[in-house]
C-alpha atoms as a PDB file:
ATOM      1  CA  MET A   1       0.000   0.000   0.000  1.00  0.00           C
ATOM      2  CA  GLU A   2       1.210   3.493  -0.865  1.00  0.00           C
ATOM      3  CA  PRO A   3       1.264   6.394   1.608  1.00  0.00           C
ATOM      4  CA  GLY A   4      -0.344   9.023  -0.608  1.00  0.00           C
ATOM      5  CA  ASP A   5       0.202  12.769  -0.323  1.00  0.00           C
ATOM      6  CA  PRO A   6      -1.323  14.366   2.832  1.00  0.00           C
ATOM      7  CA  LEU A   7      -2.844  17.134   0.675  1.00  0.00           C
ATOM      8  CA  GLY A   8      -4.431  14.593  -1.664  1.00  0.00           C
ATOM      9  CA  LEU A   9      -2.339  15.184  -4.790  1.00  0.00           C
ATOM     10  CA  HIS A  10      -2.330  11.454  -5.482  1.00  0.00           C
ATOM     11  CA  ARG A  11      -6.085  11.651  -6.217  1.00  0.00           C
ATOM     12  CA  VAL A  12      -5.801  14.513  -8.728  1.00  0.00           C
ATOM     13  CA  LEU A  13      -6.236  13.429 -12.351  1.00  0.00           C
ATOM     14  CA  PRO A  14      -4.065  15.232 -14.919  1.00  0.00           C
ATOM     15  CA  GLU A  15      -5.723  17.663 -17.292  1.00  0.00           C
ATOM     16  CA  THR A  16      -5.003  18.325 -20.951  1.00  0.00           C
ATOM     17  CA  ASP A  17      -1.382  19.356 -20.446  1.00  0.00           C
ATOM     18  CA  PRO A  18       0.418  16.421 -18.784  1.00  0.00           C
ATOM     19  CA  THR A  19       3.520  18.556 -18.190  1.00  0.00           C
ATOM     20  CA  ALA A  20       1.676  21.170 -16.103  1.00  0.00           C
ATOM     21  CA  PRO A  21       2.008  21.022 -12.307  1.00  0.00           C
ATOM     22  CA  LEU A  22      -0.866  19.243 -10.622  1.00  0.00           C
ATOM     23  CA  PRO A  23      -3.306  21.552  -8.842  1.00  0.00           C
ATOM     24  CA  LEU A  24      -4.450  20.781  -5.315  1.00  0.00           C
ATOM     25  CA  PRO A  25      -7.733  18.802  -5.131  1.00  0.00           C
ATOM     26  CA  GLN A  26     -10.034  21.804  -4.681  1.00  0.00           C
ATOM     27  CA  ARG A  27      -8.773  23.470  -7.855  1.00  0.00           C
ATOM     28  CA  ALA A  28      -8.562  20.259  -9.860  1.00  0.00           C
ATOM     29  CA  ALA A  29     -11.037  19.607 -12.657  1.00  0.00           C
ATOM     30  CA  ARG A  30     -11.273  15.914 -11.763  1.00  0.00           C
ATOM     31  CA  LEU A  31     -10.399  13.599  -8.883  1.00  0.00           C
ATOM     32  CA  ASP A  32     -10.013   9.837  -8.755  1.00  0.00           C
ATOM     33  CA  PRO A  33     -12.595   8.606  -6.197  1.00  0.00           C
ATOM     34  CA  ASP A  34     -11.919   4.861  -6.622  1.00  0.00           C
ATOM     35  CA  PRO A  35     -12.460   3.340  -3.144  1.00  0.00           C
ATOM     36  CA  ASP A  36     -10.540   0.198  -4.082  1.00  0.00           C
ATOM     37  CA  LYS A  37      -7.291   2.142  -4.272  1.00  0.00           C
ATOM     38  CA  VAL A  38      -5.838   2.086  -0.773  1.00  0.00           C
ATOM     39  CA  PHE A  39      -3.553   4.800   0.592  1.00  0.00           C
ATOM     40  CA  GLU A  40      -2.228   4.878   4.143  1.00  0.00           C
ATOM     41  CA  SER A  41      -2.841   8.631   4.511  1.00  0.00           C
ATOM     42  CA  GLU A  42      -6.596   8.369   3.855  1.00  0.00           C
ATOM     43  CA  ILE A  43      -9.812   7.663   5.720  1.00  0.00           C
ATOM     44  CA  LEU A  44     -12.547   5.993   3.679  1.00  0.00           C
ATOM     45  CA  VAL A  45     -16.163   6.836   4.496  1.00  0.00           C
ATOM     46  CA  SER A  46     -19.465   5.204   3.553  1.00  0.00           C
ATOM     47  CA  VAL A  47     -21.548   8.251   2.671  1.00  0.00           C
ATOM     48  CA  GLU A  48     -25.166   8.662   3.792  1.00  0.00           C
ATOM     49  CA  THR A  49     -25.977  12.359   3.315  1.00  0.00           C
ATOM     50  CA  LEU A  50     -24.559  15.243   1.327  1.00  0.00           C
ATOM     51  CA  ASN A  51     -25.229  18.648   2.845  1.00  0.00           C
ATOM     52  CA  ILE A  52     -24.957  20.929  -0.186  1.00  0.00           C
ATOM     53  CA  ASP A  53     -23.868  24.511   0.469  1.00  0.00           C
ATOM     54  CA  ALA A  54     -26.652  27.085   0.132  1.00  0.00           C
ATOM     55  CA  ALA A  55     -25.345  28.864  -2.980  1.00  0.00           C
ATOM     56  CA  SER A  56     -24.789  25.598  -4.839  1.00  0.00           C
ATOM     57  CA  PHE A  57     -28.163  24.129  -3.889  1.00  0.00           C
ATOM     58  CA  LYS A  58     -29.974  27.340  -4.892  1.00  0.00           C
ATOM     59  CA  GLN A  59     -28.259  27.271  -8.304  1.00  0.00           C
ATOM     60  CA  MET A  60     -29.167  23.609  -8.886  1.00  0.00           C
ATOM     61  CA  GLU A  61     -32.719  24.178  -7.667  1.00  0.00           C
ATOM     62  CA  ASP A  62     -33.125  27.019 -10.156  1.00  0.00           C
ATOM     63  CA  GLU A  63     -31.625  24.933 -12.969  1.00  0.00           C
ATOM     64  CA  ALA A  64     -33.970  22.054 -12.136  1.00  0.00           C
ATOM     65  CA  GLY A  65     -37.043  24.273 -11.855  1.00  0.00           C
ATOM     66  CA  GLY A  66     -37.530  23.082  -8.270  1.00  0.00           C
ATOM     67  CA  ASP A  67     -37.836  19.422  -9.343  1.00  0.00           C
ATOM     68  CA  SER A  68     -36.125  17.301  -6.651  1.00  0.00           C
ATOM     69  CA  ALA A  69     -35.509  14.389  -9.014  1.00  0.00           C
ATOM     70  CA  LYS A  70     -33.724  16.685 -11.458  1.00  0.00           C
ATOM     71  CA  ILE A  71     -31.616  18.117  -8.638  1.00  0.00           C
ATOM     72  CA  GLY A  72     -30.555  14.555  -7.854  1.00  0.00           C
ATOM     73  CA  ASP A  73     -29.698  14.016 -11.527  1.00  0.00           C
ATOM     74  CA  ILE A  74     -27.510  17.138 -11.510  1.00  0.00           C
ATOM     75  CA  VAL A  75     -25.670  15.923  -8.399  1.00  0.00           C
ATOM     76  CA  MET A  76     -25.072  12.492  -9.941  1.00  0.00           C
ATOM     77  CA  ARG A  77     -23.858  14.053 -13.199  1.00  0.00           C
ATOM     78  CA  THR A  78     -21.437  16.412 -11.441  1.00  0.00           C
ATOM     79  CA  ILE A  79     -19.949  13.652  -9.313  1.00  0.00           C
ATOM     80  CA  ALA A  80     -19.682  11.211 -12.217  1.00  0.00           C
ATOM     81  CA  THR A  81     -17.885  13.867 -14.291  1.00  0.00           C
ATOM     82  CA  ARG A  82     -15.605  15.389 -11.660  1.00  0.00           C
ATOM     83  CA  GLY A  83     -15.178  12.690  -9.013  1.00  0.00           C
ATOM     84  CA  LYS A  84     -16.427  15.205  -6.412  1.00  0.00           C
ATOM     85  CA  GLN A  85     -19.458  17.425  -5.726  1.00  0.00           C
ATOM     86  CA  HIS A  86     -17.887  20.579  -7.139  1.00  0.00           C
ATOM     87  CA  ASN A  87     -20.605  22.749  -8.664  1.00  0.00           C
ATOM     88  CA  PRO A  88     -19.237  24.014 -11.999  1.00  0.00           C
ATOM     89  CA  VAL A  89     -21.337  27.187 -11.783  1.00  0.00           C
ATOM     90  CA  THR A  90     -20.817  28.332  -8.177  1.00  0.00           C
ATOM     91  CA  GLY A  91     -17.466  26.597  -7.622  1.00  0.00           C
ATOM     92  CA  SER A  92     -18.656  25.383  -4.204  1.00  0.00           C
ATOM     93  CA  GLY A  93     -19.584  22.065  -2.635  1.00  0.00           C
ATOM     94  CA  GLY A  94     -20.824  21.416   0.890  1.00  0.00           C
ATOM     95  CA  MET A  95     -20.005  18.625   3.322  1.00  0.00           C
ATOM     96  CA  LEU A  96     -21.181  15.107   4.159  1.00  0.00           C
ATOM     97  CA  LEU A  97     -22.297  12.681   6.839  1.00  0.00           C
ATOM     98  CA  GLY A  98     -21.144   9.085   6.847  1.00  0.00           C
ATOM     99  CA  LYS A  99     -19.581   6.139   8.642  1.00  0.00           C
ATOM    100  CA  VAL A 100     -15.860   5.389   8.712  1.00  0.00           C
ATOM    101  CA  SER A 101     -15.095   2.157   6.862  1.00  0.00           C
ATOM    102  CA  ARG A 102     -11.291   2.240   6.719  1.00  0.00           C
ATOM    103  CA  VAL A 103      -8.520   4.182   8.475  1.00  0.00           C
ATOM    104  CA  GLY A 104      -5.059   4.310   6.944  1.00  0.00           C
ATOM    105  CA  GLY A 105      -2.065   3.529   9.115  1.00  0.00           C
ATOM    106  CA  LEU A 106      -0.634   7.033   8.730  1.00  0.00           C
ATOM    107  CA  VAL A 107      -3.803   8.711  10.041  1.00  0.00           C
ATOM    108  CA  SER A 108      -4.644   6.408  12.938  1.00  0.00           C
ATOM    109  CA  GLU A 109      -3.787   9.209  15.376  1.00  0.00           C
ATOM    110  CA  ARG A 110      -6.739  11.276  14.147  1.00  0.00           C
ATOM    111  CA  GLY A 111      -8.939   9.570  16.703  1.00  0.00           C
ATOM    112  CA  VAL A 112     -11.488   7.653  14.646  1.00  0.00           C
ATOM    113  CA  MET A 113     -11.994   3.995  13.974  1.00  0.00           C
ATOM    114  CA  ARG A 114     -14.116   1.837  11.724  1.00  0.00           C
ATOM    115  CA  GLY A 115     -17.816   2.371  12.463  1.00  0.00           C
ATOM    116  CA  ASP A 116     -17.536   5.928  13.818  1.00  0.00           C
ATOM    117  CA  ARG A 117     -20.082   8.370  12.407  1.00  0.00           C
ATOM    118  CA  ILE A 118     -18.502  11.615  11.237  1.00  0.00           C
ATOM    119  CA  ALA A 119     -19.242  14.795   9.326  1.00  0.00           C
ATOM    120  CA  THR A 120     -16.566  16.187   7.042  1.00  0.00           C
ATOM    121  CA  LEU A 121     -15.611  19.808   7.631  1.00  0.00           C
ATOM    122  CA  ALA A 122     -13.701  20.131   4.368  1.00  0.00           C
ATOM    123  CA  SER A 123     -15.580  21.126   1.237  1.00  0.00           C
ATOM    124  CA  LEU A 124     -17.082  18.536  -1.080  1.00  0.00           C
ATOM    125  CA  SER A 125     -15.293  20.480  -3.817  1.00  0.00           C
ATOM    126  CA  LEU A 126     -12.050  18.782  -2.722  1.00  0.00           C
ATOM    127  CA  THR A 127     -13.423  15.453  -1.426  1.00  0.00           C
ATOM    128  CA  PRO A 128     -13.163  12.412  -3.745  1.00  0.00           C
ATOM    129  CA  LEU A 129     -16.682  11.047  -3.989  1.00  0.00           C
ATOM    130  CA  LYS A 130     -18.306   8.117  -5.766  1.00  0.00           C
ATOM    131  CA  LEU A 131     -22.076   7.539  -5.644  1.00  0.00           C
ATOM    132  CA  SER A 132     -24.094   4.463  -6.528  1.00  0.00           C
ATOM    133  CA  ARG A 133     -27.478   6.153  -6.158  1.00  0.00           C
ATOM    134  CA  ILE A 134     -29.527   9.068  -4.853  1.00  0.00           C
ATOM    135  CA  ILE A 135     -32.035   8.023  -2.190  1.00  0.00           C
ATOM    136  CA  SER A 136     -33.844  11.324  -1.621  1.00  0.00           C
ATOM    137  CA  VAL A 137     -33.466  15.091  -2.019  1.00  0.00           C
ATOM    138  CA  ARG A 138     -34.668  17.355   0.809  1.00  0.00           C
ATOM    139  CA  PRO A 139     -34.808  20.969  -0.413  1.00  0.00           C
ATOM    140  CA  ALA A 140     -35.791  22.452   2.967  1.00  0.00           C
ATOM    141  CA  SER A 141     -32.423  21.476   4.408  1.00  0.00           C
ATOM    142  CA  ALA A 142     -30.377  21.364   1.140  1.00  0.00           C
ATOM    143  CA  GLN A 143     -29.523  17.759   1.992  1.00  0.00           C
ATOM    144  CA  VAL A 144     -29.294  14.772  -0.350  1.00  0.00           C
ATOM    145  CA  ASP A 145     -29.425  11.217   1.018  1.00  0.00           C
ATOM    146  CA  VAL A 146     -27.178   8.917  -0.989  1.00  0.00           C
ATOM    147  CA  GLU A 147     -25.250   5.666  -1.131  1.00  0.00           C
ATOM    148  CA  GLY A 148     -21.582   5.976  -1.936  1.00  0.00           C
ATOM    149  CA  THR A 149     -18.033   6.393  -0.705  1.00  0.00           C
ATOM    150  CA  ALA A 150     -15.789   9.361   0.029  1.00  0.00           C
ATOM    151  CA  VAL A 151     -12.110   9.847   0.795  1.00  0.00           C
ATOM    152  CA  ILE A 152     -10.796  12.106   3.573  1.00  0.00           C
ATOM    153  CA  PHE A 153      -7.215  13.269   3.185  1.00  0.00           C
ATOM    154  CA  ALA A 154      -4.763  13.481   6.064  1.00  0.00           C
ATOM    155  CA  THR A 155      -5.100  17.267   6.316  1.00  0.00           C
ATOM    156  CA  ALA A 156      -8.893  17.499   5.910  1.00  0.00           C
ATOM    157  CA  PRO A 157     -10.883  18.374   9.070  1.00  0.00           C
ATOM    158  CA  PHE A 158     -13.885  16.375  10.267  1.00  0.00           C
ATOM    159  CA  ALA A 159     -15.981  15.979  13.404  1.00  0.00           C
ATOM    160  CA  LYS A 160     -17.421  12.993  15.208  1.00  0.00           C
ATOM    161  CA  MET A 161     -21.192  13.240  15.390  1.00  0.00           C
ATOM    162  CA  PRO A 162     -22.349  14.322  18.860  1.00  0.00           C
ATOM    163  CA  LYS A 163     -24.517  11.928  20.859  1.00  0.00           C
ATOM    164  CA  ASP A 164     -26.714  14.618  22.466  1.00  0.00           C
ATOM    165  CA  LEU A 165     -27.971  16.240  19.245  1.00  0.00           C
ATOM    166  CA  ALA A 166     -30.025  14.799  16.401  1.00  0.00           C
ATOM    167  CA  GLU A 167     -27.752  13.997  13.470  1.00  0.00           C
ATOM    168  CA  ARG A 168     -29.613  16.111  10.920  1.00  0.00           C
ATOM    169  CA  LEU A 169     -29.594  19.027  13.362  1.00  0.00           C
ATOM    170  CA  ALA A 170     -25.852  18.682  13.966  1.00  0.00           C
ATOM    171  CA  LEU A 171     -25.177  18.269  10.252  1.00  0.00           C
ATOM    172  CA  ALA A 172     -27.035  21.490   9.414  1.00  0.00           C
ATOM    173  CA  ALA A 173     -25.000  23.407  11.994  1.00  0.00           C
ATOM    174  CA  LEU A 174     -21.652  21.842  11.088  1.00  0.00           C
ATOM    175  CA  ASP A 175     -22.190  22.822   7.457  1.00  0.00           C
ATOM    176  CA  VAL A 176     -21.685  26.459   8.486  1.00  0.00           C
ATOM    177  CA  ALA A 177     -19.509  25.882  11.553  1.00  0.00           C
ATOM    178  CA  GLY A 178     -16.932  28.472  10.534  1.00  0.00           C
ATOM    179  CA  ALA A 179     -19.323  31.431  10.576  1.00  0.00           C
ATOM    180  CA  ALA A 180     -20.035  32.150  14.244  1.00  0.00           C
ATOM    181  CA  PRO A 181     -16.420  31.745  15.458  1.00  0.00           C
ATOM    182  CA  GLN A 182     -15.341  34.419  12.974  1.00  0.00           C
ATOM    183  CA  VAL A 183     -17.972  36.788  14.360  1.00  0.00           C
ATOM    184  CA  GLY A 184     -16.629  35.987  17.806  1.00  0.00           C
ATOM    185  CA  ARG A 185     -13.168  37.069  16.684  1.00  0.00           C
ATOM    186  CA  LEU A 186     -14.239  40.274  14.920  1.00  0.00           C
ATOM    187  CA  ALA A 187     -17.180  41.735  16.881  1.00  0.00           C
ATOM    188  CA  LYS A 188     -16.406  43.900  19.913  1.00  0.00           C
ATOM    189  CA  PRO A 189     -18.519  45.322  22.745  1.00  0.00           C
ATOM    190  CA  GLY A 190     -20.463  48.346  21.534  1.00  0.00           C
ATOM    191  CA  ASP A 191     -20.179  47.486  17.830  1.00  0.00           C
ATOM    192  CA  THR A 192     -23.011  47.688  15.347  1.00  0.00           C
ATOM    193  CA  VAL A 193     -23.090  44.390  13.460  1.00  0.00           C
ATOM    194  CA  LEU A 194     -25.084  43.951  10.241  1.00  0.00           C
ATOM    195  CA  VAL A 195     -25.833  40.422   9.001  1.00  0.00           C
ATOM    196  CA  LEU A 196     -26.993  40.004   5.385  1.00  0.00           C
ATOM    197  CA  GLY A 197     -28.960  36.810   4.807  1.00  0.00           C
ATOM    198  CA  ALA A 198     -29.608  36.793   8.532  1.00  0.00           C
ATOM    199  CA  GLY A 199     -32.452  34.284   8.420  1.00  0.00           C
ATOM    200  CA  GLY A 200     -30.499  31.347   6.988  1.00  0.00           C
ATOM    201  CA  LYS A 201     -28.364  28.821   8.873  1.00  0.00           C
ATOM    202  CA  SER A 202     -25.133  30.790   8.989  1.00  0.00           C
ATOM    203  CA  GLY A 203     -26.968  34.093   9.383  1.00  0.00           C
ATOM    204  CA  LEU A 204     -28.887  32.923  12.437  1.00  0.00           C
ATOM    205  CA  LEU A 205     -25.744  31.632  14.116  1.00  0.00           C
ATOM    206  CA  CYS A 206     -23.947  34.905  13.333  1.00  0.00           C
ATOM    207  CA  CYS A 207     -26.785  36.964  14.815  1.00  0.00           C
ATOM    208  CA  VAL A 208     -26.799  34.940  18.029  1.00  0.00           C
ATOM    209  CA  GLU A 209     -23.018  35.189  18.348  1.00  0.00           C
ATOM    210  CA  ALA A 210     -23.011  38.913  17.537  1.00  0.00           C
ATOM    211  CA  ARG A 211     -25.618  39.537  20.229  1.00  0.00           C
ATOM    212  CA  LYS A 212     -23.325  37.973  22.818  1.00  0.00           C
ATOM    213  CA  ARG A 213     -20.248  39.856  21.617  1.00  0.00           C
ATOM    214  CA  VAL A 214     -21.586  43.404  21.225  1.00  0.00           C
ATOM    215  CA  GLY A 215     -23.426  43.462  24.557  1.00  0.00           C
ATOM    216  CA  LYS A 216     -26.134  45.882  25.639  1.00  0.00           C
ATOM    217  CA  SER A 217     -24.248  48.873  24.272  1.00  0.00           C
ATOM    218  CA  GLY A 218     -24.006  47.359  20.783  1.00  0.00           C
ATOM    219  CA  LYS A 219     -26.540  46.769  18.057  1.00  0.00           C
ATOM    220  CA  VAL A 220     -27.346  43.770  15.834  1.00  0.00           C
ATOM    221  CA  ILE A 221     -29.177  44.397  12.562  1.00  0.00           C
ATOM    222  CA  GLY A 222     -30.467  41.429  10.581  1.00  0.00           C
ATOM    223  CA  LEU A 223     -31.359  41.818   6.900  1.00  0.00           C
ATOM    224  CA  GLU A 224     -33.354  39.070   5.194  1.00  0.00           C
ATOM    225  CA  SER A 225     -35.347  39.025   1.941  1.00  0.00           C
ATOM    226  CA  TYR A 226     -37.416  35.849   2.502  1.00  0.00           C
ATOM    227  CA  ALA A 227     -40.543  36.712   4.496  1.00  0.00           C
ATOM    228  CA  PRO A 228     -40.859  33.420   6.487  1.00  0.00           C
ATOM    229  CA  PHE A 229     -37.202  33.681   7.538  1.00  0.00           C
ATOM    230  CA  THR A 230     -37.725  37.320   8.484  1.00  0.00           C
ATOM    231  CA  LYS A 231     -40.581  36.248  10.743  1.00  0.00           C
ATOM    232  CA  ASP A 232     -38.383  33.566  12.346  1.00  0.00           C
ATOM    233  CA  LEU A 233     -35.601  36.079  12.919  1.00  0.00           C
ATOM    234  CA  ILE A 234     -37.925  38.522  14.646  1.00  0.00           C
ATOM    235  CA  ALA A 235     -39.279  35.741  16.858  1.00  0.00           C
ATOM    236  CA  LEU A 236     -35.733  34.688  17.808  1.00  0.00           C
ATOM    237  CA  GLY A 237     -35.340  38.065  19.517  1.00  0.00           C
ATOM    238  CA  VAL A 238     -31.590  38.576  19.185  1.00  0.00           C
ATOM    239  CA  CYS A 239     -31.646  41.500  16.722  1.00  0.00           C
ATOM    240  CA  ASP A 240     -32.256  45.113  17.658  1.00  0.00           C
ATOM    241  CA  ALA A 241     -33.719  45.593  14.187  1.00  0.00           C
ATOM    242  CA  VAL A 242     -34.804  43.190  11.442  1.00  0.00           C
ATOM    243  CA  VAL A 243     -35.051  44.570   7.908  1.00  0.00           C
ATOM    244  CA  GLU A 244     -36.865  42.709   5.131  1.00  0.00           C
ATOM    245  CA  HIS A 245     -34.971  43.792   2.031  1.00  0.00           C
ATOM    246  CA  ASP A 246     -33.197  42.366  -1.030  1.00  0.00           C
ATOM    247  CA  ALA A 247     -29.433  42.404  -0.434  1.00  0.00           C
ATOM    248  CA  ARG A 248     -28.833  42.859  -4.166  1.00  0.00           C
ATOM    249  CA  ASP A 249     -30.124  46.423  -3.788  1.00  0.00           C
ATOM    250  CA  ALA A 250     -26.916  48.032  -2.538  1.00  0.00           C
ATOM    251  CA  ALA A 251     -28.230  51.586  -2.344  1.00  0.00           C
ATOM    252  CA  GLY A 252     -31.413  50.462  -0.637  1.00  0.00           C
ATOM    253  CA  VAL A 253     -29.485  48.476   1.967  1.00  0.00           C
ATOM    254  CA  ARG A 254     -27.180  51.435   2.536  1.00  0.00           C
ATOM    255  CA  ASP A 255     -30.150  53.720   3.140  1.00  0.00           C
ATOM    256  CA  ARG A 256     -31.980  51.322   5.468  1.00  0.00           C
ATOM    257  CA  VAL A 257     -28.854  50.779   7.575  1.00  0.00           C
ATOM    258  CA  ALA A 258     -28.131  54.510   7.635  1.00  0.00           C
ATOM    259  CA  GLU A 259     -31.608  55.101   9.092  1.00  0.00           C
ATOM    260  CA  LEU A 260     -30.870  52.649  11.897  1.00  0.00           C
ATOM    261  CA  THR A 261     -27.358  53.927  12.677  1.00  0.00           C
ATOM    262  CA  LEU A 262     -27.818  57.722  12.460  1.00  0.00           C
ATOM    263  CA  GLY A 263     -25.948  57.699   9.176  1.00  0.00           C
ATOM    264  CA  GLU A 264     -22.831  55.982  10.506  1.00  0.00           C
ATOM    265  CA  GLY A 265     -23.162  52.493   9.046  1.00  0.00           C
ATOM    266  CA  ALA A 266     -22.065  49.192  10.541  1.00  0.00           C
ATOM    267  CA  ASP A 267     -18.769  48.515  12.290  1.00  0.00           C
ATOM    268  CA  LEU A 268     -18.909  44.928  11.064  1.00  0.00           C
ATOM    269  CA  THR A 269     -20.953  43.466   8.214  1.00  0.00           C
ATOM    270  CA  ILE A 270     -21.287  39.711   7.724  1.00  0.00           C
ATOM    271  CA  SER A 271     -22.560  38.521   4.331  1.00  0.00           C
ATOM    272  CA  CYS A 272     -24.328  35.147   4.521  1.00  0.00           C
ATOM    273  CA  VAL A 273     -26.476  35.455   1.373  1.00  0.00           C
ATOM    274  CA  ASN A 274     -26.967  32.534  -1.025  1.00  0.00           C
ATOM    275  CA  VAL A 275     -27.267  34.517  -4.274  1.00  0.00           C
ATOM    276  CA  PRO A 276     -24.655  36.516  -6.239  1.00  0.00           C
ATOM    277  CA  GLY A 277     -24.623  40.272  -6.596  1.00  0.00           C
ATOM    278  CA  CYS A 278     -24.730  41.285  -2.934  1.00  0.00           C
ATOM    279  CA  GLU A 279     -21.134  42.357  -2.488  1.00  0.00           C
ATOM    280  CA  MET A 280     -21.760  46.098  -2.752  1.00  0.00           C
ATOM    281  CA  ALA A 281     -24.606  46.055  -0.236  1.00  0.00           C
ATOM    282  CA  ALA A 282     -22.158  44.842   2.411  1.00  0.00           C
ATOM    283  CA  ILE A 283     -19.556  47.396   1.394  1.00  0.00           C
ATOM    284  CA  CYS A 284     -21.934  50.374   1.138  1.00  0.00           C
ATOM    285  CA  ALA A 285     -23.487  49.645   4.541  1.00  0.00           C
ATOM    286  CA  THR A 286     -20.133  49.496   6.375  1.00  0.00           C
ATOM    287  CA  LYS A 287     -18.573  52.627   7.884  1.00  0.00           C
ATOM    288  CA  ASP A 288     -15.072  53.785   6.951  1.00  0.00           C
ATOM    289  CA  ARG A 289     -12.427  51.641   8.684  1.00  0.00           C
ATOM    290  CA  GLY A 290     -15.091  49.081   9.394  1.00  0.00           C
ATOM    291  CA  LYS A 291     -14.955  45.420   8.422  1.00  0.00           C
ATOM    292  CA  ALA A 292     -16.928  43.369   5.888  1.00  0.00           C
ATOM    293  CA  TYR A 293     -16.717  39.584   6.170  1.00  0.00           C
ATOM    294  CA  PHE A 294     -17.950  37.554   3.183  1.00  0.00           C
ATOM    295  CA  PHE A 295     -18.916  34.093   4.369  1.00  0.00           C
ATOM    296  CA  ALA A 296     -21.201  33.335   1.395  1.00  0.00           C
ATOM    297  CA  MET A 297     -19.865  31.103  -1.379  1.00  0.00           C
ATOM    298  CA  SER A 298     -21.880  33.169  -3.862  1.00  0.00           C
ATOM    299  CA  THR A 299     -19.433  36.041  -3.360  1.00  0.00           C
ATOM    300  CA  SER A 300     -17.228  37.399  -6.142  1.00  0.00           C
ATOM    301  CA  PHE A 301     -14.090  38.570  -4.433  1.00  0.00           C
ATOM    302  CA  THR A 302     -13.143  40.527  -7.565  1.00  0.00           C
ATOM    303  CA  ALA A 303     -16.415  42.426  -7.226  1.00  0.00           C
ATOM    304  CA  CYS A 304     -15.606  43.112  -3.566  1.00  0.00           C
ATOM    305  CA  ALA A 305     -12.126  44.480  -4.167  1.00  0.00           C
ATOM    306  CA  LEU A 306     -12.895  46.530  -7.264  1.00  0.00           C
ATOM    307  CA  GLY A 307     -16.254  47.669  -5.918  1.00  0.00           C
ATOM    308  CA  ALA A 308     -14.795  48.983  -2.667  1.00  0.00           C
ATOM    309  CA  GLU A 309     -12.025  50.721  -4.566  1.00  0.00           C
ATOM    310  CA  GLY A 310     -14.498  52.226  -7.016  1.00  0.00           C
ATOM    311  CA  ILE A 311     -16.539  54.016  -4.357  1.00  0.00           C
ATOM    312  CA  GLY A 312     -13.605  54.947  -2.142  1.00  0.00           C
ATOM    313  CA  ALA A 313     -14.652  52.678   0.705  1.00  0.00           C
ATOM    314  CA  ASP A 314     -11.769  52.411   3.184  1.00  0.00           C
ATOM    315  CA  ILE A 315     -12.827  49.181   4.856  1.00  0.00           C
ATOM    316  CA  ASP A 316     -11.174  45.846   5.575  1.00  0.00           C
ATOM    317  CA  LEU A 317     -12.471  42.979   3.424  1.00  0.00           C
ATOM    318  CA  TYR A 318     -12.325  39.465   4.843  1.00  0.00           C
ATOM    319  CA  ILE A 319     -12.538  36.302   2.785  1.00  0.00           C
ATOM    320  CA  GLY A 320     -14.765  33.778   4.518  1.00  0.00           C
ATOM    321  CA  ASN A 321     -12.833  30.813   5.847  1.00  0.00           C
ATOM    322  CA  GLY A 322     -15.021  27.873   6.752  1.00  0.00           C
ATOM    323  CA  TYR A 323     -12.374  26.579   9.142  1.00  0.00           C
ATOM    324  CA  ALA A 324     -11.395  27.934  12.539  1.00  0.00           C
ATOM    325  CA  GLU A 325      -9.695  25.878  15.232  1.00  0.00           C
ATOM    326  CA  GLY A 326     -12.368  24.268  17.402  1.00  0.00           C
ATOM    327  CA  HIS A 327     -15.178  25.592  15.210  1.00  0.00           C
ATOM    328  CA  ALA A 328     -17.280  22.436  15.294  1.00  0.00           C
ATOM    329  CA  ASP A 329     -17.633  22.322  19.088  1.00  0.00           C
ATOM    330  CA  TYR A 330     -17.973  26.121  19.188  1.00  0.00           C
ATOM    331  CA  THR A 331     -20.989  26.052  16.864  1.00  0.00           C
ATOM    332  CA  LEU A 332     -22.669  23.016  18.406  1.00  0.00           C
ATOM    333  CA  ASP A 333     -22.344  24.674  21.813  1.00  0.00           C
ATOM    334  CA  ILE A 334     -24.331  27.655  20.504  1.00  0.00           C
ATOM    335  CA  LEU A 335     -27.211  25.280  19.753  1.00  0.00           C
ATOM    336  CA  ARG A 336     -26.852  23.626  23.135  1.00  0.00           C
ATOM    337  CA  GLU A 337     -26.959  26.959  24.954  1.00  0.00           C
ATOM    338  CA  ASP A 338     -29.773  28.685  23.020  1.00  0.00           C
ATOM    339  CA  ASN A 339     -33.030  26.726  23.161  1.00  0.00           C
ATOM    340  CA  ARG A 340     -34.841  29.127  20.830  1.00  0.00           C
ATOM    341  CA  LEU A 341     -32.226  28.739  18.118  1.00  0.00           C
ATOM    342  CA  ARG A 342     -32.086  24.979  18.611  1.00  0.00           C
ATOM    343  CA  SER A 343     -35.872  24.701  18.282  1.00  0.00           C
ATOM    344  CA  LEU A 344     -35.780  26.751  15.077  1.00  0.00           C
ATOM    345  CA  PHE A 345     -33.057  24.558  13.582  1.00  0.00           C
ATOM    346  CA  GLU A 346     -34.941  21.418  14.579  1.00  0.00           C
ATOM    347  CA  ARG A 347     -38.110  22.653  12.935  1.00  0.00           C
ATOM    348  CA  ARG A 348     -36.366  23.546   9.706  1.00  0.00           C
ATOM    349  CA  TYR A 349     -33.647  20.993   9.264  1.00  0.00           C
ATOM    350  CA  THR A 350     -34.529  17.718  10.991  1.00  0.00           C
END
């Protein structure tokens, strides 16, 4: 048995130019997902559920006209073509739930054994994946139940499934586990925090975390365009103001936030939207020397940089990183500590 590269280069299939350097798995056009090839630096997983990221699922849902069977066909086609769930339109993936079926000798120290149930915390866009069939598609939670296998590389993060939370609940939270810890790092007491797409999974977690961080002297503003999610956000009671507005309307968002902040804007804006074209709303609503954090995979970082430059916005732009040390436990603890949020997640996603 071969060791394999810890970054997964041994699973990358060469492209048209065989002399070109191999890209890392996330950037690769195709991966080799063959589960019969054994490498000592890998963990093999029997896959049960794919949790597709919000931007990718929305794109596939639109392409399929809302037909769940067609969404399943798109997923199967992508994986058969690329050896991974790497949406060719959005460039994003998601994560998965499954059971460990093999642990390579070089990764035995990672603390899992055959039979353990885990969720991957690395994107499906870099995870070798082979499916035999789609069992069901659940649009409400952007989850797809499947039969198949996946490969976890030596450097790829994952989490054991907790025993005190329902698996579908934990999976929904772990899908966006990097969001709330980043708010915890960036938000300070007294800040005004604006969350775009505040009614979705990551947005809700960011609002709850922001409320804790800014304290009584700070302000949390949630902006959401989907009326049922707006209603849920109001009922959750963690925002000082909830605005129902389309985040693609940059000037409109700017004006609504200005009304709520006496013209100052937000100290910190978190973008959790699942559609493209919302970059300038985050930038326009943030005060000079403020911060805008783009967690959404629908974000164009070119649009962010050039857009901020074009309007003379002197703000710090942060690229969303879905990984932060300890982020899985951090996020699950938010659900454990906030019964209202946990009940909302259970109603939506389990």
